[in-house]
Protein backbone atom coordinates (compact mmCIF):
# COMPACT_ATOMS: atom_id res chain seq x y z
CA MET A 1 10.91 -29.68 -151.60
CA GLU A 2 9.00 -27.41 -153.65
CA ARG A 3 7.77 -26.03 -151.06
CA ILE A 4 11.09 -24.99 -149.05
CA LEU A 5 11.99 -23.73 -152.79
CA GLU A 6 9.45 -21.40 -153.44
CA ARG A 7 9.79 -19.93 -149.70
CA TYR A 8 13.52 -19.40 -150.52
CA GLU A 9 12.63 -17.79 -153.53
CA ARG A 10 10.23 -14.92 -151.97
CA LEU A 11 12.37 -14.09 -148.97
CA SER A 12 15.25 -13.50 -151.21
CA TYR A 13 13.23 -11.65 -153.72
CA SER A 14 11.32 -9.72 -150.74
CA GLU A 15 15.28 -9.42 -149.36
CA ARG A 16 16.95 -8.31 -153.07
CA GLU A 17 13.87 -5.88 -152.85
CA LEU A 18 14.55 -3.98 -149.96
CA THR A 19 18.11 -3.98 -150.59
CA GLU A 20 17.50 -2.03 -154.04
CA THR A 21 14.63 0.42 -151.82
CA ASP A 22 17.28 0.65 -149.44
CA HIS A 23 19.85 2.15 -151.69
CA GLU A 24 16.93 4.54 -153.41
CA SER A 25 16.18 5.68 -150.01
CA HIS A 26 19.81 6.14 -149.36
CA GLY A 27 19.47 8.11 -152.73
CA ILE A 28 16.72 10.67 -152.34
CA TRP A 29 17.69 11.49 -148.56
CA THR A 30 21.61 11.89 -149.90
CA MET A 31 19.49 15.05 -152.28
CA GLU A 32 17.42 16.11 -149.30
CA TYR A 33 20.44 17.06 -147.05
CA ALA A 34 22.35 18.33 -150.01
CA LYS A 35 19.43 20.66 -150.38
CA LEU A 36 18.55 21.29 -146.82
CA LYS A 37 22.43 21.86 -146.44
CA SER A 38 22.56 24.37 -149.50
CA ARG A 39 19.60 26.13 -147.92
CA MET A 40 20.75 26.43 -144.23
CA GLU A 41 24.16 27.90 -145.92
CA GLY A 42 21.94 30.18 -147.87
CA LEU A 43 19.74 31.76 -145.30
CA GLN A 44 22.85 31.87 -142.76
CA THR A 45 24.37 34.18 -145.47
CA THR A 46 21.27 36.51 -146.12
CA GLN A 47 21.65 36.58 -142.13
CA ARG A 48 25.36 38.02 -142.59
CA HIS A 49 24.33 40.47 -144.89
CA ILE A 50 20.97 41.28 -143.22
CA MET A 51 23.30 42.21 -140.54
CA GLY A 52 26.33 44.18 -142.73
CA GLU A 53 28.20 41.69 -142.83
CA ASP A 54 30.24 39.71 -146.23
CA LEU A 55 29.01 42.55 -148.24
CA ASP A 56 31.71 42.95 -149.98
CA SER A 57 30.57 39.93 -152.33
CA LEU A 58 27.46 41.51 -153.25
CA SER A 59 26.93 43.13 -156.15
CA LEU A 60 25.29 47.56 -156.78
CA LYS A 61 21.76 45.21 -157.34
CA GLU A 62 21.77 42.92 -154.58
CA LEU A 63 23.10 45.34 -151.90
CA GLN A 64 19.81 47.70 -153.45
CA ASN A 65 16.91 44.72 -153.61
CA LEU A 66 19.73 43.58 -149.82
CA GLU A 67 18.41 47.96 -149.22
CA GLN A 68 14.81 47.57 -150.17
CA LYS A 69 14.00 43.79 -148.26
CA LEU A 70 15.11 45.94 -144.83
CA ASP A 71 13.76 48.98 -145.69
CA ALA A 72 10.21 46.90 -145.54
CA SER A 73 11.29 45.43 -143.03
CA LEU A 74 11.32 48.26 -141.06
CA LYS A 75 7.92 49.39 -141.91
CA HIS A 76 6.45 46.26 -141.53
CA ILE A 77 8.43 46.62 -137.59
CA ARG A 78 7.67 50.26 -137.36
CA LEU A 79 3.53 49.77 -138.39
CA ARG A 80 3.68 46.91 -135.67
CA ARG A 81 5.31 49.11 -132.98
CA ASN A 82 2.81 51.74 -133.85
CA GLN A 83 -0.21 49.46 -133.62
CA LEU A 84 1.00 48.63 -129.56
CA MET A 85 1.41 51.66 -128.73
CA PHE A 86 -1.75 52.82 -129.94
CA GLU A 87 -3.52 49.99 -128.10
CA SER A 88 -1.72 51.00 -125.12
CA ILE A 89 -3.24 54.58 -125.16
CA SER A 90 -6.12 53.34 -125.74
CA ALA A 91 -5.98 51.13 -122.32
CA LEU A 92 -4.34 54.28 -120.27
CA GLU A 93 -6.86 56.54 -121.70
CA LYS A 94 -10.24 53.81 -120.59
CA LYS A 95 -8.01 53.39 -117.35
CA ASP A 96 -7.68 57.22 -116.42
CA LYS A 97 -11.83 57.59 -117.49
CA GLU A 98 -11.96 54.67 -115.36
CA LEU A 99 -10.16 56.29 -111.99
CA GLN A 100 -11.40 59.86 -113.38
CA ASN A 101 -14.75 58.24 -112.46
CA GLU A 102 -13.60 56.78 -109.28
CA ASN A 103 -12.10 59.95 -108.21
CA ASN A 104 -15.80 61.47 -108.72
CA ALA A 105 -17.69 59.28 -107.30
CA LEU A 106 -14.77 59.47 -104.16
CA LEU A 107 -15.67 62.90 -104.35
CA ASN A 108 -18.89 63.09 -104.05
CA LYS A 109 -18.81 60.84 -100.71
CA VAL A 110 -16.87 63.25 -99.38
CA LYS A 111 -19.23 66.19 -99.95
CA GLU A 112 -21.80 64.25 -98.76
CA ILE A 113 -20.09 63.31 -95.65
CA GLU A 114 -19.57 66.89 -95.11
CA LYS A 115 -23.01 67.74 -95.31
CA GLU A 116 -23.94 64.91 -93.44
CA VAL A 117 -21.04 66.57 -90.48
CA ALA A 118 -22.30 70.04 -90.44
CA ARG A 119 -25.74 69.02 -90.07
CA GLN A 120 -24.65 66.83 -86.75
CA ALA A 121 -22.93 70.52 -85.94
CA HIS A 122 -25.82 72.59 -86.08
CA ILE A 123 -28.17 70.01 -84.66
CA GLU A 124 -25.55 69.89 -81.23
CA GLN A 125 -24.80 73.84 -81.38
CA GLN A 126 -28.09 73.84 -82.02
CA ASP A 127 -29.07 71.75 -78.78
CA ARG A 128 -26.34 73.71 -77.09
CA HIS A 129 -27.83 76.46 -77.48
CA ASN A 130 -31.29 74.86 -76.52
CA MET A 131 -29.43 73.55 -73.49
CA SER A 132 -27.68 76.32 -71.89
CA SER A 133 -31.33 78.68 -72.28
CA TYR A 134 -32.73 75.83 -70.82
CA HIS A 135 -29.89 76.27 -67.57
CA PHE A 136 -29.97 79.69 -67.80
CA ASP A 137 -34.24 79.86 -67.50
CA THR A 138 -33.56 76.89 -64.68
CA TYR A 139 -31.33 79.33 -63.35
CA ILE A 140 -33.40 82.53 -63.29
CA SER A 141 -36.54 80.60 -62.10
CA ALA A 142 -34.20 79.43 -58.81
CA ALA A 143 -32.57 82.61 -58.11
CA TYR A 144 -36.06 84.20 -58.47
CA GLN A 145 -37.58 81.38 -55.37
CA ALA A 146 -34.38 81.42 -53.59
CA GLY A 147 -36.07 85.23 -52.32
CA GLY A 148 -34.58 86.88 -55.04
CA ASN A 149 -31.09 87.78 -53.42
CA GLY A 150 -29.74 86.03 -56.13
CA LEU A 151 -28.03 83.43 -54.98
CA VAL A 152 -28.96 79.87 -56.19
CA GLU A 153 -28.79 77.20 -53.77
CA GLU A 154 -27.38 73.57 -54.34
CA SER A 155 -30.68 71.18 -54.91
CA PRO A 156 -29.39 68.01 -52.91
CA ARG A 157 -31.02 66.18 -56.06
CA GLN A 158 -28.63 67.72 -58.65
CA ALA A 159 -25.60 69.45 -58.32
CA GLN A 160 -25.60 73.31 -59.80
CA PRO A 161 -23.40 75.86 -60.04
CA SER A 162 -24.42 79.23 -58.02
CA ILE A 163 -24.30 82.26 -59.45
CA VAL A 164 -25.05 85.01 -58.26
CA LEU A 165 -27.27 87.67 -60.94
CA PRO A 166 -27.26 90.97 -60.61
CA PRO A 167 -30.13 92.77 -58.89
CA TRP A 168 -31.08 95.33 -61.53
CA MET A 169 -32.20 91.29 -63.00
CA LEU A 170 -34.00 90.58 -60.70
CA GLN A 171 -35.88 94.00 -60.64
CA HIS A 172 -37.25 93.37 -64.20
CA ILE A 173 -37.88 89.42 -63.27
CA ASN A 174 -40.00 90.07 -60.15
CA HIS A 175 -42.14 93.01 -62.76
């Protein structure tokens, strides 16, 4: 029986402690709620003042303090904006330099290609000149072999155009 009584006393004592703790914590939370509510109302009032609302209730000193806070905020905002603009300008200058370098490299490639095309055209022109000189010499020797009449006949192996050489050219070839 004593055990039951001891057990009863322990449980009732711990129950009283919980009830007392609940009352104390309830009081703490009530105070905390009041503090937070007051703080929130103060912040909302400050926000309205910053937005230019409800300024009639402010004194001259409070208005001057608000103006100083706004000036400090604007200064901070402008500094940040300028910093971002400088960073942006630096990035754009870097990109501009990269694009100029790329443009110069492409111009150099174009110049190299133009030089190569000009060289190829010069080689082809020399080849054509050499070929026409070769054909002219062939035609002259064929005309000379034909008997000096100035007519070049087609050979069965190779179709060549007929050309007539003036007699004065044939005289120089014969001598």
